[in-house]
Amino acid sequence: MVIGILAGVLVVALAITGLVVYLNVNKDGGDEKRADRLPALCGNVSEAALAKARTTNPNGLMSRETKLSKGVRTTCSWNQTRGVDGSGHRATDVSVTNEREEAESAFSRSISMHAGTTQGRALQKPVQGLGDEAVVILIETTSAFTEMTVLVRKGELIVEVDLVGWDAGLFTNTKPDYAELEAAAKGIAEDMVGKL
C-alpha cells in the first residue's frame, strides 16, 4: 500500500512538472503593445505583413536613420506583441540603404556576408519579380533558432529583411516552418520595395 501511494505521488509530481514545462514553453511571446515611433520609411510595411510575420510591436530603440559617407541607411525593427502574435519567438528587422552608385557591389557583398555565416549552413535561392534582383537566404542551425533573410536591390537601394525566431513545441522550442517564414519575409520585402 505504501508503494502504491508513493507511485501515485510520483505520477502526480511528474504530471505537474510536465504541465509547468509545457505551459512555460507555450506561453505567449513578446511584450505589451508599445507606441514607439519609427522612421517614416518604416510605414511602407503594412500591418497585415507584420501580422503574418508575427511581429506587430514596433521597436523604436532599434529603429533609426543613419547617415553614411555615401548615402543613408534606415533601420526598422518589430518584435512580438504579447497576446497577439502567439507563442515562441519572432523578431523582424528591415533596413533600406541608399548606396548611390555602388548598389550592385553592395548587394553582392551582403549576399556573401550572409552566405558566409559561421552560425550555421546558409541556403540561398533567387527570387523572381522583386526589385532588380533579389535572393532569399535561410540560415540552418542545429538549434531551433532560425533566420530567414530576403535581400533586394532596386536601383541604388538595398533592402534587407531579417526574420528570426523559433516555435514552441510540445515541451521545448522547435524550428519554425521554413515556407511560412519565407512567405512572411517576402511579404515584408514586397511591401517595402513596392513603395520605394
Protein backbone atom coordinates (compact mmCIF):
# COMPACT_ATOMS: atom_id res chain seq x y z
CA MET A 1 0.00 0.00 0.00
CA VAL A 2 2.87 2.39 0.82
CA ILE A 3 4.46 1.63 -2.55
CA GLY A 4 1.15 2.40 -4.29
CA ILE A 5 0.89 5.75 -2.50
CA LEU A 6 4.49 6.62 -3.37
CA ALA A 7 3.91 5.64 -7.01
CA GLY A 8 0.77 7.81 -7.09
CA VAL A 9 2.62 10.79 -5.61
CA LEU A 10 5.41 10.31 -8.15
CA VAL A 11 2.96 10.21 -11.06
CA VAL A 12 1.21 13.38 -9.84
CA ALA A 13 4.57 15.16 -9.36
CA LEU A 14 5.67 14.19 -12.88
CA ALA A 15 2.36 15.35 -14.33
CA ILE A 16 2.60 18.71 -12.58
CA THR A 17 6.23 19.14 -13.69
CA GLY A 18 5.27 18.28 -17.27
CA LEU A 19 2.37 20.75 -17.20
CA VAL A 20 4.57 23.55 -15.85
CA VAL A 21 7.22 22.92 -18.56
CA TYR A 22 4.54 22.75 -21.27
CA LEU A 23 2.86 25.99 -20.15
CA ASN A 24 6.23 27.77 -19.89
CA VAL A 25 7.29 26.73 -23.41
CA ASN A 26 3.89 27.55 -24.94
CA LYS A 27 3.21 30.90 -23.24
CA ASP A 28 2.62 33.95 -25.42
CA GLY A 29 5.83 35.58 -26.58
CA GLY A 30 6.62 39.27 -26.69
CA ASP A 31 5.78 42.33 -24.66
CA GLU A 32 2.78 44.59 -24.18
CA LYS A 33 1.98 46.72 -27.25
CA ARG A 34 4.20 49.80 -27.44
CA ALA A 35 3.55 53.11 -29.21
CA ASP A 36 7.16 53.60 -30.37
CA ARG A 37 7.63 55.94 -33.32
CA LEU A 38 9.68 54.54 -36.18
CA PRO A 39 11.27 56.40 -39.11
CA ALA A 40 8.73 57.40 -41.78
CA LEU A 41 10.07 54.83 -44.28
CA CYS A 42 9.07 52.01 -41.90
CA GLY A 43 5.44 52.89 -42.64
CA ASN A 44 5.88 51.19 -46.04
CA VAL A 45 5.40 47.84 -44.26
CA SER A 46 1.71 47.06 -43.72
CA GLU A 47 0.13 45.82 -40.52
CA ALA A 48 -1.03 42.74 -42.45
CA ALA A 49 2.56 41.84 -43.42
CA LEU A 50 3.73 42.35 -39.85
CA ALA A 51 0.88 40.19 -38.52
CA LYS A 52 1.87 37.41 -40.94
CA ALA A 53 5.42 37.64 -39.57
CA ARG A 54 4.01 37.64 -36.01
CA THR A 55 5.87 40.85 -35.19
CA THR A 56 3.37 43.67 -34.69
CA ASN A 57 5.15 45.52 -31.86
CA PRO A 58 7.29 48.49 -33.04
CA ASN A 59 10.78 48.61 -31.52
CA GLY A 60 11.87 52.24 -31.53
CA LEU A 61 15.10 51.50 -29.69
CA MET A 62 16.45 49.50 -32.66
CA SER A 63 14.95 51.72 -35.40
CA ARG A 64 16.83 54.73 -36.75
CA GLU A 65 18.14 56.66 -39.74
CA THR A 66 21.91 56.74 -40.10
CA LYS A 67 23.89 58.97 -42.44
CA LEU A 68 26.59 57.08 -44.32
CA SER A 69 29.55 58.50 -46.21
CA LYS A 70 27.75 57.75 -49.48
CA GLY A 71 24.10 57.63 -48.52
CA VAL A 72 21.55 56.91 -45.81
CA ARG A 73 20.54 53.73 -44.01
CA THR A 74 17.09 53.39 -42.42
CA THR A 75 16.54 50.55 -39.96
CA CYS A 76 13.08 49.40 -38.83
CA SER A 77 12.51 46.84 -36.09
CA TRP A 78 9.48 44.98 -34.76
CA ASN A 79 9.00 42.32 -32.06
CA GLN A 80 6.09 40.22 -30.87
CA THR A 81 3.08 41.69 -29.10
CA ARG A 82 2.03 39.55 -26.13
CA GLY A 83 -1.44 38.15 -26.59
CA VAL A 84 -1.46 38.93 -30.33
CA ASP A 85 1.50 37.23 -32.05
CA GLY A 86 1.39 33.79 -30.44
CA SER A 87 3.95 31.69 -28.62
CA GLY A 88 7.55 31.02 -29.50
CA HIS A 89 9.73 33.93 -30.62
CA ARG A 90 9.83 36.20 -33.67
CA ALA A 91 11.70 39.43 -34.49
CA THR A 92 11.80 41.40 -37.73
CA ASP A 93 14.46 43.88 -38.82
CA VAL A 94 14.28 45.75 -42.12
CA SER A 95 16.99 48.02 -43.47
CA VAL A 96 16.93 50.22 -46.54
CA THR A 97 20.29 51.56 -47.68
CA ASN A 98 20.83 54.12 -50.41
CA GLU A 99 24.16 53.01 -51.86
CA ARG A 100 24.08 55.61 -54.63
CA GLU A 101 26.20 54.29 -57.49
CA GLU A 102 27.62 51.27 -55.62
CA ALA A 103 24.40 49.30 -55.10
CA GLU A 104 25.33 46.29 -57.23
CA SER A 105 28.63 45.65 -55.42
CA ALA A 106 26.97 46.33 -52.05
CA PHE A 107 24.24 43.81 -52.91
CA SER A 108 26.87 41.17 -53.75
CA ARG A 109 28.75 41.90 -50.51
CA SER A 110 25.54 41.50 -48.48
CA ILE A 111 24.86 38.11 -50.06
CA SER A 112 28.43 36.97 -49.37
CA MET A 113 28.24 38.17 -45.78
CA HIS A 114 25.02 36.22 -45.10
CA ALA A 115 26.14 33.14 -47.02
CA GLY A 116 29.47 33.11 -45.15
CA THR A 117 27.87 32.95 -41.71
CA THR A 118 29.51 30.82 -39.05
CA GLN A 119 26.20 30.39 -37.21
CA GLY A 120 25.02 27.55 -39.43
CA ARG A 121 24.55 26.44 -43.02
CA ALA A 122 23.33 29.10 -45.47
CA LEU A 123 20.91 28.04 -48.22
CA GLN A 124 20.14 30.65 -50.85
CA LYS A 125 17.93 30.95 -53.92
CA PRO A 126 16.97 33.78 -56.28
CA VAL A 127 13.60 35.50 -56.01
CA GLN A 128 11.88 36.49 -59.24
CA GLY A 129 9.81 39.64 -59.68
CA LEU A 130 11.15 41.56 -56.70
CA GLY A 131 13.23 44.65 -57.46
CA ASP A 132 16.06 44.45 -59.98
CA GLU A 133 17.50 41.37 -58.26
CA ALA A 134 16.68 39.51 -55.07
CA VAL A 135 17.66 36.42 -53.08
CA VAL A 136 16.31 34.63 -50.04
CA ILE A 137 18.81 33.11 -47.60
CA LEU A 138 17.96 30.58 -44.90
CA ILE A 139 20.46 30.07 -42.08
CA GLU A 140 20.02 26.49 -40.90
CA THR A 141 21.39 25.72 -37.43
CA THR A 142 21.35 22.72 -35.11
CA SER A 143 19.16 24.63 -32.64
CA ALA A 144 15.55 25.74 -33.03
CA PHE A 145 16.70 29.33 -33.77
CA THR A 146 16.15 30.09 -37.45
CA GLU A 147 16.99 33.14 -39.57
CA MET A 148 15.40 33.96 -42.92
CA THR A 149 16.77 36.91 -44.91
CA VAL A 150 15.45 38.47 -48.10
CA LEU A 151 17.90 40.81 -49.88
CA VAL A 152 16.64 43.05 -52.69
CA ARG A 153 18.34 45.57 -54.93
CA LYS A 154 16.10 48.18 -56.55
CA GLY A 155 18.14 50.74 -58.43
CA GLU A 156 20.51 52.34 -55.92
CA LEU A 157 18.61 50.96 -52.93
CA ILE A 158 19.36 47.78 -50.98
CA VAL A 159 16.53 46.34 -48.88
CA GLU A 160 17.30 43.68 -46.29
CA VAL A 161 14.57 41.87 -44.37
CA ASP A 162 15.68 39.64 -41.48
CA LEU A 163 13.05 37.49 -39.80
CA VAL A 164 14.29 35.33 -36.92
CA GLY A 165 12.74 33.06 -34.35
CA TRP A 166 11.58 29.65 -33.23
CA ASP A 167 8.28 27.94 -32.48
CA ALA A 168 7.05 26.41 -29.27
CA GLY A 169 6.96 22.62 -29.43
CA LEU A 170 5.36 20.15 -27.05
CA PHE A 171 7.96 20.59 -24.29
CA THR A 172 10.76 22.51 -25.99
CA ASN A 173 11.40 25.01 -28.77
CA THR A 174 11.25 23.73 -32.37
CA LYS A 175 12.24 25.09 -35.77
CA PRO A 176 9.57 27.19 -37.46
CA ASP A 177 8.09 26.13 -40.79
CA TYR A 178 10.58 27.40 -43.38
CA ALA A 179 7.93 28.07 -46.05
CA GLU A 180 5.87 30.13 -43.60
CA LEU A 181 8.91 32.14 -42.52
CA GLU A 182 9.96 32.73 -46.13
CA ALA A 183 6.47 33.86 -47.17
CA ALA A 184 6.35 36.33 -44.27
CA ALA A 185 9.80 37.75 -45.04
CA LYS A 186 8.96 38.08 -48.75
CA GLY A 187 5.68 39.82 -47.90
CA ILE A 188 7.53 42.44 -45.87
CA ALA A 189 10.11 42.89 -48.65
CA GLU A 190 7.36 43.29 -51.25
CA ASP A 191 5.65 45.95 -49.13
CA MET A 192 8.86 47.91 -48.62
CA VAL A 193 10.16 47.64 -52.19
CA GLY A 194 6.74 48.33 -53.72
CA LYS A 195 6.59 51.78 -52.10
CA LEU A 196 10.17 52.90 -52.74
